[in-house]
Structure formats: C-alpha cells, structure tokens
All heavy atoms as atom14 arrays in JSON, in Angstrom:
{
  "sequence": "VRDPLAAAEILKFLSLSNHRDVNYARKFFAQIHEPNCFSWNTVI",
  "atom14_mask": [
    [1, 1, 1, 1, 1, 1, 1, 0, 0, 0, 0, 0, 0, 0],
    [1, 1, 1, 1, 1, 1, 1, 1, 1, 1, 1, 0, 0, 0],
    [1, 1, 1, 1, 1, 1, 1, 1, 0, 0, 0, 0, 0, 0],
    [1, 1, 1, 1, 1, 1, 1, 0, 0, 0, 0, 0, 0, 0],
    [1, 1, 1, 1, 1, 1, 1, 1, 0, 0, 0, 0, 0, 0],
    [1, 1, 1, 1, 1, 0, 0, 0, 0, 0, 0, 0, 0, 0],
    [1, 1, 1, 1, 1, 0, 0, 0, 0, 0, 0, 0, 0, 0],
    [1, 1, 1, 1, 1, 0, 0, 0, 0, 0, 0, 0, 0, 0],
    [1, 1, 1, 1, 1, 1, 1, 1, 1, 0, 0, 0, 0, 0],
    [1, 1, 1, 1, 1, 1, 1, 1, 0, 0, 0, 0, 0, 0],
    [1, 1, 1, 1, 1, 1, 1, 1, 0, 0, 0, 0, 0, 0],
    [1, 1, 1, 1, 1, 1, 1, 1, 1, 0, 0, 0, 0, 0],
    [1, 1, 1, 1, 1, 1, 1, 1, 1, 1, 1, 0, 0, 0],
    [1, 1, 1, 1, 1, 1, 1, 1, 0, 0, 0, 0, 0, 0],
    [1, 1, 1, 1, 1, 1, 0, 0, 0, 0, 0, 0, 0, 0],
    [1, 1, 1, 1, 1, 1, 1, 1, 0, 0, 0, 0, 0, 0],
    [1, 1, 1, 1, 1, 1, 0, 0, 0, 0, 0, 0, 0, 0],
    [1, 1, 1, 1, 1, 1, 1, 1, 0, 0, 0, 0, 0, 0],
    [1, 1, 1, 1, 1, 1, 1, 1, 1, 1, 0, 0, 0, 0],
    [1, 1, 1, 1, 1, 1, 1, 1, 1, 1, 1, 0, 0, 0],
    [1, 1, 1, 1, 1, 1, 1, 1, 0, 0, 0, 0, 0, 0],
    [1, 1, 1, 1, 1, 1, 1, 0, 0, 0, 0, 0, 0, 0],
    [1, 1, 1, 1, 1, 1, 1, 1, 0, 0, 0, 0, 0, 0],
    [1, 1, 1, 1, 1, 1, 1, 1, 1, 1, 1, 1, 0, 0],
    [1, 1, 1, 1, 1, 0, 0, 0, 0, 0, 0, 0, 0, 0],
    [1, 1, 1, 1, 1, 1, 1, 1, 1, 1, 1, 0, 0, 0],
    [1, 1, 1, 1, 1, 1, 1, 1, 1, 0, 0, 0, 0, 0],
    [1, 1, 1, 1, 1, 1, 1, 1, 1, 1, 1, 0, 0, 0],
    [1, 1, 1, 1, 1, 1, 1, 1, 1, 1, 1, 0, 0, 0],
    [1, 1, 1, 1, 1, 0, 0, 0, 0, 0, 0, 0, 0, 0],
    [1, 1, 1, 1, 1, 1, 1, 1, 1, 0, 0, 0, 0, 0],
    [1, 1, 1, 1, 1, 1, 1, 1, 0, 0, 0, 0, 0, 0],
    [1, 1, 1, 1, 1, 1, 1, 1, 1, 1, 0, 0, 0, 0],
    [1, 1, 1, 1, 1, 1, 1, 1, 1, 0, 0, 0, 0, 0],
    [1, 1, 1, 1, 1, 1, 1, 0, 0, 0, 0, 0, 0, 0],
    [1, 1, 1, 1, 1, 1, 1, 1, 0, 0, 0, 0, 0, 0],
    [1, 1, 1, 1, 1, 1, 0, 0, 0, 0, 0, 0, 0, 0],
    [1, 1, 1, 1, 1, 1, 1, 1, 1, 1, 1, 0, 0, 0],
    [1, 1, 1, 1, 1, 1, 0, 0, 0, 0, 0, 0, 0, 0],
    [1, 1, 1, 1, 1, 1, 1, 1, 1, 1, 1, 1, 1, 1],
    [1, 1, 1, 1, 1, 1, 1, 1, 0, 0, 0, 0, 0, 0],
    [1, 1, 1, 1, 1, 1, 1, 0, 0, 0, 0, 0, 0, 0],
    [1, 1, 1, 1, 1, 1, 1, 0, 0, 0, 0, 0, 0, 0],
    [1, 1, 1, 1, 1, 1, 1, 1, 0, 0, 0, 0, 0, 0]
  ],
  "atom14_positions": [
    [[96.14, 93.88, 101.78], [97.34, 94.5, 101.24], [97.58, 94.07, 99.8], [98.3, 94.74, 99.05], [98.56, 94.17, 102.13], [99.0, 92.72, 101.91], [99.7, 95.14, 101.87], [0.0, 0.0, 0.0], [0.0, 0.0, 0.0], [0.0, 0.0, 0.0], [0.0, 0.0, 0.0], [0.0, 0.0, 0.0], [0.0, 0.0, 0.0], [0.0, 0.0, 0.0]],
    [[96.95, 92.93, 99.39], [97.13, 92.47, 98.01], [96.2, 93.2, 97.03], [96.33, 93.04, 95.83], [96.9, 90.96, 97.94], [97.98, 90.13, 98.63], [97.84, 88.65, 98.32], [96.64, 88.08, 98.92], [96.56, 87.62, 100.17], [97.64, 87.66, 100.95], [95.44, 87.12, 100.64], [0.0, 0.0, 0.0], [0.0, 0.0, 0.0], [0.0, 0.0, 0.0]],
    [[95.27, 93.97, 97.59], [94.38, 94.76, 96.74], [95.19, 95.92, 96.15], [95.76, 96.72, 96.9], [93.22, 95.3, 97.58], [92.18, 96.04, 96.75], [92.56, 96.73, 95.79], [90.99, 95.92, 97.06], [0.0, 0.0, 0.0], [0.0, 0.0, 0.0], [0.0, 0.0, 0.0], [0.0, 0.0, 0.0], [0.0, 0.0, 0.0], [0.0, 0.0, 0.0]],
    [[95.28, 96.04, 94.83], [96.09, 97.11, 94.22], [95.69, 98.5, 94.67], [96.54, 99.37, 94.85], [95.84, 96.93, 92.71], [95.33, 95.55, 92.55], [94.63, 95.19, 93.81], [0.0, 0.0, 0.0], [0.0, 0.0, 0.0], [0.0, 0.0, 0.0], [0.0, 0.0, 0.0], [0.0, 0.0, 0.0], [0.0, 0.0, 0.0], [0.0, 0.0, 0.0]],
    [[94.38, 98.72, 94.88], [93.92, 100.05, 95.29], [94.3, 100.33, 96.74], [94.67, 101.44, 97.1], [92.41, 100.17, 95.09], [91.93, 100.13, 93.64], [90.42, 100.29, 93.57], [92.61, 101.2, 92.81], [0.0, 0.0, 0.0], [0.0, 0.0, 0.0], [0.0, 0.0, 0.0], [0.0, 0.0, 0.0], [0.0, 0.0, 0.0], [0.0, 0.0, 0.0]],
    [[94.22, 99.31, 97.59], [94.62, 99.48, 98.99], [96.11, 99.77, 99.07], [96.56, 100.66, 99.8], [94.27, 98.23, 99.79], [0.0, 0.0, 0.0], [0.0, 0.0, 0.0], [0.0, 0.0, 0.0], [0.0, 0.0, 0.0], [0.0, 0.0, 0.0], [0.0, 0.0, 0.0], [0.0, 0.0, 0.0], [0.0, 0.0, 0.0], [0.0, 0.0, 0.0]],
    [[96.89, 99.01, 98.31], [98.34, 99.21, 98.29], [98.69, 100.6, 97.78], [99.59, 101.28, 98.3], [99.0, 98.14, 97.41], [0.0, 0.0, 0.0], [0.0, 0.0, 0.0], [0.0, 0.0, 0.0], [0.0, 0.0, 0.0], [0.0, 0.0, 0.0], [0.0, 0.0, 0.0], [0.0, 0.0, 0.0], [0.0, 0.0, 0.0], [0.0, 0.0, 0.0]],
    [[97.93, 101.04, 96.76], [98.19, 102.37, 96.19], [97.93, 103.47, 97.22], [98.67, 104.46, 97.29], [97.33, 102.58, 94.95], [0.0, 0.0, 0.0], [0.0, 0.0, 0.0], [0.0, 0.0, 0.0], [0.0, 0.0, 0.0], [0.0, 0.0, 0.0], [0.0, 0.0, 0.0], [0.0, 0.0, 0.0], [0.0, 0.0, 0.0], [0.0, 0.0, 0.0]],
    [[96.89, 103.3, 98.05], [96.58, 104.32, 99.05], [97.63, 104.37, 100.16], [98.0, 105.44, 100.64], [95.21, 104.03, 99.67], [94.05, 104.56, 98.85], [94.13, 106.06, 98.65], [94.0, 106.82, 99.63], [94.33, 106.49, 97.5], [0.0, 0.0, 0.0], [0.0, 0.0, 0.0], [0.0, 0.0, 0.0], [0.0, 0.0, 0.0], [0.0, 0.0, 0.0]],
    [[98.12, 103.2, 100.58], [99.19, 103.18, 101.58], [100.44, 103.86, 101.01], [101.09, 104.67, 101.69], [99.51, 101.72, 102.0], [98.34, 101.13, 102.78], [100.78, 101.68, 102.84], [98.53, 99.68, 103.18], [0.0, 0.0, 0.0], [0.0, 0.0, 0.0], [0.0, 0.0, 0.0], [0.0, 0.0, 0.0], [0.0, 0.0, 0.0], [0.0, 0.0, 0.0]],
    [[100.76, 103.54, 99.78], [101.93, 104.13, 99.14], [101.79, 105.64, 99.01], [102.75, 106.38, 99.22], [102.13, 103.49, 97.76], [103.38, 103.94, 96.98], [104.64, 103.51, 97.72], [103.36, 103.38, 95.57], [0.0, 0.0, 0.0], [0.0, 0.0, 0.0], [0.0, 0.0, 0.0], [0.0, 0.0, 0.0], [0.0, 0.0, 0.0], [0.0, 0.0, 0.0]],
    [[100.58, 106.08, 98.7], [100.33, 107.52, 98.57], [100.6, 108.23, 99.89], [101.22, 109.3, 99.93], [98.89, 107.76, 98.12], [98.52, 109.23, 97.97], [97.05, 109.36, 97.59], [96.63, 110.83, 97.57], [95.18, 110.97, 97.27], [0.0, 0.0, 0.0], [0.0, 0.0, 0.0], [0.0, 0.0, 0.0], [0.0, 0.0, 0.0], [0.0, 0.0, 0.0]],
    [[100.12, 107.63, 100.99], [100.34, 108.24, 102.31], [101.83, 108.32, 102.63], [102.33, 109.34, 103.11], [99.61, 107.44, 103.38], [99.72, 108.03, 104.76], [98.78, 108.92, 105.23], [100.79, 107.7, 105.59], [98.89, 109.48, 106.49], [100.91, 108.25, 106.85], [99.96, 109.14, 107.31], [0.0, 0.0, 0.0], [0.0, 0.0, 0.0], [0.0, 0.0, 0.0]],
    [[102.55, 107.24, 102.35], [103.99, 107.18, 102.66], [104.8, 108.12, 101.79], [105.84, 108.63, 102.21], [104.5, 105.75, 102.47], [103.97, 104.69, 103.44], [104.39, 103.31, 102.97], [104.48, 104.97, 104.85], [0.0, 0.0, 0.0], [0.0, 0.0, 0.0], [0.0, 0.0, 0.0], [0.0, 0.0, 0.0], [0.0, 0.0, 0.0], [0.0, 0.0, 0.0]],
    [[104.33, 108.37, 100.58], [105.12, 109.12, 99.6], [104.79, 110.61, 99.56], [105.7, 111.44, 99.36], [104.91, 108.55, 98.2], [105.26, 107.18, 98.15], [0.0, 0.0, 0.0], [0.0, 0.0, 0.0], [0.0, 0.0, 0.0], [0.0, 0.0, 0.0], [0.0, 0.0, 0.0], [0.0, 0.0, 0.0], [0.0, 0.0, 0.0], [0.0, 0.0, 0.0]],
    [[103.52, 110.97, 99.74], [103.11, 112.33, 99.43], [102.43, 113.08, 100.57], [102.16, 114.27, 100.44], [102.16, 112.31, 98.22], [102.69, 111.62, 96.95], [101.62, 111.58, 95.88], [103.93, 112.33, 96.43], [0.0, 0.0, 0.0], [0.0, 0.0, 0.0], [0.0, 0.0, 0.0], [0.0, 0.0, 0.0], [0.0, 0.0, 0.0], [0.0, 0.0, 0.0]],
    [[102.15, 112.42, 101.68], [101.47, 113.1, 102.78], [102.46, 113.94, 103.58], [103.68, 113.9, 103.36], [100.81, 112.08, 103.71], [101.8, 111.39, 104.48], [0.0, 0.0, 0.0], [0.0, 0.0, 0.0], [0.0, 0.0, 0.0], [0.0, 0.0, 0.0], [0.0, 0.0, 0.0], [0.0, 0.0, 0.0], [0.0, 0.0, 0.0], [0.0, 0.0, 0.0]],
    [[101.93, 114.69, 104.54], [102.79, 115.49, 105.42], [103.66, 114.62, 106.32], [104.62, 115.1, 106.91], [101.93, 116.42, 106.29], [101.25, 117.5, 105.47], [101.74, 117.89, 104.42], [100.1, 117.97, 105.94], [0.0, 0.0, 0.0], [0.0, 0.0, 0.0], [0.0, 0.0, 0.0], [0.0, 0.0, 0.0], [0.0, 0.0, 0.0], [0.0, 0.0, 0.0]],
    [[103.3, 113.34, 106.43], [104.06, 112.41, 107.28], [104.91, 111.47, 106.43], [105.23, 110.36, 106.85], [103.1, 111.59, 108.15], [102.13, 112.42, 108.93], [102.48, 113.14, 110.05], [100.81, 112.69, 108.71], [101.43, 113.78, 110.51], [100.4, 113.53, 109.72], [0.0, 0.0, 0.0], [0.0, 0.0, 0.0], [0.0, 0.0, 0.0], [0.0, 0.0, 0.0]],
    [[105.27, 111.92, 105.26], [105.96, 111.07, 104.29], [107.21, 110.41, 104.88], [107.91, 111.0, 105.7], [106.35, 111.88, 103.05], [107.2, 113.09, 103.37], [107.56, 113.85, 102.11], [108.45, 113.08, 101.27], [108.8, 113.44, 100.05], [108.34, 114.55, 99.53], [109.61, 112.7, 99.35], [0.0, 0.0, 0.0], [0.0, 0.0, 0.0], [0.0, 0.0, 0.0]],
    [[107.44, 109.19, 104.44], [108.63, 108.44, 104.84], [109.1, 107.7, 103.59], [108.63, 106.6, 103.27], [108.3, 107.46, 105.96], [109.54, 106.75, 106.52], [110.5, 106.56, 105.74], [109.52, 106.37, 107.7], [0.0, 0.0, 0.0], [0.0, 0.0, 0.0], [0.0, 0.0, 0.0], [0.0, 0.0, 0.0], [0.0, 0.0, 0.0], [0.0, 0.0, 0.0]],
    [[110.03, 108.3, 102.86], [110.41, 107.76, 101.55], [111.11, 106.41, 101.67], [111.02, 105.57, 100.76], [111.28, 108.77, 100.76], [110.48, 109.98, 100.35], [112.5, 109.19, 101.57], [0.0, 0.0, 0.0], [0.0, 0.0, 0.0], [0.0, 0.0, 0.0], [0.0, 0.0, 0.0], [0.0, 0.0, 0.0], [0.0, 0.0, 0.0], [0.0, 0.0, 0.0]],
    [[111.82, 106.19, 102.77], [112.48, 104.9, 102.94], [111.44, 103.79, 103.12], [111.53, 102.71, 102.53], [113.42, 104.96, 104.14], [114.32, 103.74, 104.24], [114.8, 103.24, 103.22], [114.53, 103.25, 105.45], [0.0, 0.0, 0.0], [0.0, 0.0, 0.0], [0.0, 0.0, 0.0], [0.0, 0.0, 0.0], [0.0, 0.0, 0.0], [0.0, 0.0, 0.0]],
    [[110.43, 104.05, 103.92], [109.32, 103.13, 104.13], [108.59, 102.91, 102.8], [108.24, 101.78, 102.43], [108.38, 103.74, 105.18], [107.3, 102.85, 105.74], [106.6, 103.26, 106.88], [106.93, 101.64, 105.15], [105.58, 102.47, 107.41], [105.92, 100.86, 105.67], [105.24, 101.28, 106.8], [104.22, 100.51, 107.32], [0.0, 0.0, 0.0], [0.0, 0.0, 0.0]],
    [[108.37, 104.01, 102.06], [107.67, 103.92, 100.78], [108.45, 103.05, 99.8], [107.86, 102.23, 99.07], [107.49, 105.32, 100.19], [0.0, 0.0, 0.0], [0.0, 0.0, 0.0], [0.0, 0.0, 0.0], [0.0, 0.0, 0.0], [0.0, 0.0, 0.0], [0.0, 0.0, 0.0], [0.0, 0.0, 0.0], [0.0, 0.0, 0.0], [0.0, 0.0, 0.0]],
    [[109.75, 103.2, 99.79], [110.6, 102.4, 98.89], [110.45, 100.91, 99.2], [110.29, 100.09, 98.29], [112.06, 102.85, 99.05], [113.02, 102.19, 98.07], [114.46, 102.47, 98.44], [114.85, 103.85, 98.21], [115.17, 104.71, 99.17], [115.12, 104.32, 100.46], [115.54, 105.93, 98.89], [0.0, 0.0, 0.0], [0.0, 0.0, 0.0], [0.0, 0.0, 0.0]],
    [[110.5, 100.56, 100.48], [110.38, 99.15, 100.88], [108.99, 98.6, 100.6], [108.83, 97.46, 100.15], [110.71, 99.01, 102.36], [112.17, 99.3, 102.7], [112.41, 99.25, 104.21], [113.87, 99.57, 104.54], [114.09, 99.59, 106.0], [0.0, 0.0, 0.0], [0.0, 0.0, 0.0], [0.0, 0.0, 0.0], [0.0, 0.0, 0.0], [0.0, 0.0, 0.0]],
    [[107.96, 99.42, 100.86], [106.59, 98.98, 100.63], [106.34, 98.74, 99.14], [105.73, 97.75, 98.74], [105.6, 100.01, 101.17], [104.16, 99.62, 100.99], [103.56, 98.74, 101.88], [103.41, 100.11, 99.94], [102.23, 98.35, 101.72], [102.09, 99.73, 99.76], [101.51, 98.86, 100.65], [0.0, 0.0, 0.0], [0.0, 0.0, 0.0], [0.0, 0.0, 0.0]],
    [[106.83, 99.66, 98.31], [106.62, 99.53, 96.86], [107.26, 98.25, 96.34], [106.7, 97.58, 95.45], [107.2, 100.75, 96.14], [107.0, 100.72, 94.65], [105.78, 101.04, 94.09], [108.04, 100.35, 93.8], [105.59, 101.01, 92.71], [107.86, 100.3, 92.42], [106.63, 100.64, 91.88], [0.0, 0.0, 0.0], [0.0, 0.0, 0.0], [0.0, 0.0, 0.0]],
    [[108.43, 97.9, 96.89], [109.13, 96.69, 96.43], [108.33, 95.42, 96.71], [108.53, 94.39, 96.05], [110.5, 96.6, 97.1], [0.0, 0.0, 0.0], [0.0, 0.0, 0.0], [0.0, 0.0, 0.0], [0.0, 0.0, 0.0], [0.0, 0.0, 0.0], [0.0, 0.0, 0.0], [0.0, 0.0, 0.0], [0.0, 0.0, 0.0], [0.0, 0.0, 0.0]],
    [[107.38, 95.48, 97.66], [106.58, 94.31, 98.03], [105.28, 94.21, 97.24], [104.58, 93.2, 97.34], [106.28, 94.34, 99.53], [107.52, 94.2, 100.4], [107.21, 94.38, 101.87], [106.07, 94.64, 102.25], [108.22, 94.21, 102.71], [0.0, 0.0, 0.0], [0.0, 0.0, 0.0], [0.0, 0.0, 0.0], [0.0, 0.0, 0.0], [0.0, 0.0, 0.0]],
    [[104.94, 95.27, 96.47], [103.72, 95.21, 95.67], [103.97, 94.29, 94.48], [104.91, 94.51, 93.7], [103.31, 96.62, 95.19], [103.04, 97.54, 96.39], [102.06, 96.54, 94.31], [102.72, 98.98, 96.01], [0.0, 0.0, 0.0], [0.0, 0.0, 0.0], [0.0, 0.0, 0.0], [0.0, 0.0, 0.0], [0.0, 0.0, 0.0], [0.0, 0.0, 0.0]],
    [[103.14, 93.27, 94.31], [103.38, 92.25, 93.29], [103.29, 92.83, 91.88], [104.24, 92.73, 91.09], [102.38, 91.1, 93.45], [102.54, 90.02, 92.4], [103.74, 89.37, 92.18], [101.65, 89.5, 91.51], [103.6, 88.49, 91.19], [102.33, 88.55, 90.77], [0.0, 0.0, 0.0], [0.0, 0.0, 0.0], [0.0, 0.0, 0.0], [0.0, 0.0, 0.0]],
    [[102.18, 93.43, 91.53], [102.03, 94.04, 90.22], [101.47, 95.45, 90.42], [100.25, 95.66, 90.35], [101.1, 93.21, 89.32], [101.72, 91.91, 88.85], [100.81, 91.19, 87.84], [99.7, 91.7, 87.56], [101.21, 90.13, 87.35], [0.0, 0.0, 0.0], [0.0, 0.0, 0.0], [0.0, 0.0, 0.0], [0.0, 0.0, 0.0], [0.0, 0.0, 0.0]],
    [[102.34, 96.43, 90.67], [101.85, 97.79, 90.92], [101.09, 98.33, 89.72], [101.5, 98.11, 88.57], [103.13, 98.59, 91.19], [104.25, 97.76, 90.69], [103.8, 96.34, 90.71], [0.0, 0.0, 0.0], [0.0, 0.0, 0.0], [0.0, 0.0, 0.0], [0.0, 0.0, 0.0], [0.0, 0.0, 0.0], [0.0, 0.0, 0.0], [0.0, 0.0, 0.0]],
    [[99.99, 99.02, 90.01], [99.23, 99.63, 88.91], [99.87, 100.96, 88.53], [100.85, 101.4, 89.14], [97.76, 99.8, 89.29], [97.58, 100.66, 90.54], [98.49, 101.38, 90.94], [96.41, 100.56, 91.16], [0.0, 0.0, 0.0], [0.0, 0.0, 0.0], [0.0, 0.0, 0.0], [0.0, 0.0, 0.0], [0.0, 0.0, 0.0], [0.0, 0.0, 0.0]],
    [[99.32, 101.63, 87.53], [99.91, 102.88, 87.04], [99.92, 103.95, 88.13], [100.88, 104.72, 88.25], [99.13, 103.37, 85.82], [99.97, 104.69, 84.92], [0.0, 0.0, 0.0], [0.0, 0.0, 0.0], [0.0, 0.0, 0.0], [0.0, 0.0, 0.0], [0.0, 0.0, 0.0], [0.0, 0.0, 0.0], [0.0, 0.0, 0.0], [0.0, 0.0, 0.0]],
    [[98.85, 103.98, 88.95], [98.78, 104.96, 90.03], [99.95, 104.78, 91.0], [100.56, 105.76, 91.45], [97.44, 104.82, 90.76], [97.27, 105.79, 91.88], [96.82, 107.08, 91.66], [97.57, 105.42, 93.2], [96.67, 107.98, 92.7], [97.42, 106.31, 94.25], [96.97, 107.59, 94.0], [0.0, 0.0, 0.0], [0.0, 0.0, 0.0], [0.0, 0.0, 0.0]],
    [[100.28, 103.54, 91.32], [101.38, 103.27, 92.26], [102.72, 103.69, 91.66], [103.57, 104.28, 92.33], [101.41, 101.79, 92.64], [100.26, 101.45, 93.39], [0.0, 0.0, 0.0], [0.0, 0.0, 0.0], [0.0, 0.0, 0.0], [0.0, 0.0, 0.0], [0.0, 0.0, 0.0], [0.0, 0.0, 0.0], [0.0, 0.0, 0.0], [0.0, 0.0, 0.0]],
    [[102.92, 103.34, 90.38], [104.16, 103.77, 89.72], [104.27, 105.29, 89.73], [105.33, 105.85, 90.06], [104.2, 103.25, 88.27], [104.6, 101.82, 88.12], [103.81, 100.77, 87.77], [105.93, 101.28, 88.28], [104.52, 99.6, 87.71], [105.84, 99.89, 88.02], [107.16, 101.82, 88.63], [106.94, 99.04, 88.09], [108.26, 100.97, 88.7], [108.15, 99.61, 88.44]],
    [[103.19, 105.95, 89.36], [103.21, 107.42, 89.31], [103.48, 108.02, 90.69], [104.18, 109.02, 90.82], [101.89, 107.95, 88.76], [101.7, 107.64, 87.29], [102.64, 107.24, 86.61], [100.48, 107.84, 86.79], [0.0, 0.0, 0.0], [0.0, 0.0, 0.0], [0.0, 0.0, 0.0], [0.0, 0.0, 0.0], [0.0, 0.0, 0.0], [0.0, 0.0, 0.0]],
    [[102.91, 107.37, 91.71], [103.07, 107.88, 93.07], [104.52, 107.81, 93.52], [105.07, 108.79, 94.05], [102.2, 107.08, 94.06], [100.82, 107.22, 93.69], [102.39, 107.56, 95.48], [0.0, 0.0, 0.0], [0.0, 0.0, 0.0], [0.0, 0.0, 0.0], [0.0, 0.0, 0.0], [0.0, 0.0, 0.0], [0.0, 0.0, 0.0], [0.0, 0.0, 0.0]],
    [[105.17, 106.68, 93.31], [106.55, 106.54, 93.78], [107.5, 107.39, 92.95], [108.47, 107.96, 93.47], [106.97, 105.05, 93.79], [107.24, 104.52, 92.38], [108.17, 104.84, 94.7], [0.0, 0.0, 0.0], [0.0, 0.0, 0.0], [0.0, 0.0, 0.0], [0.0, 0.0, 0.0], [0.0, 0.0, 0.0], [0.0, 0.0, 0.0], [0.0, 0.0, 0.0]],
    [[107.23, 107.52, 91.65], [108.07, 108.39, 90.8], [107.92, 109.84, 91.24], [108.91, 110.57, 91.38], [107.68, 108.23, 89.31], [108.12, 106.85, 88.8], [108.31, 109.33, 88.46], [107.58, 106.5, 87.42], [0.0, 0.0, 0.0], [0.0, 0.0, 0.0], [0.0, 0.0, 0.0], [0.0, 0.0, 0.0], [0.0, 0.0, 0.0], [0.0, 0.0, 0.0]]
  ]
}
C-alpha cells in the first residue's frame, strides 16, 4: 500500500470505476503519504 503506483490504482478504482465510493476514496487518499500527480488528478 506504500507503493505510490499501487495506491494510485486503488484510488482510481474507488474514484472512477462503476463501483465508485467517494467517501472511501476520500479516506484512502488522506492516508497516502506523498501522493503522486496521478493520485492528485484522480481524486480531483
């Protein structure tokens, strides 16, 4: 989960998939230590 790319993929599923859960995505993003640009773009 500390891998930025792994975290980005989980965030993508929570934010943009057909099974999106924005509340879950919000909480997950808050736990990413140093989100990369892809993660920021995904949550925005």
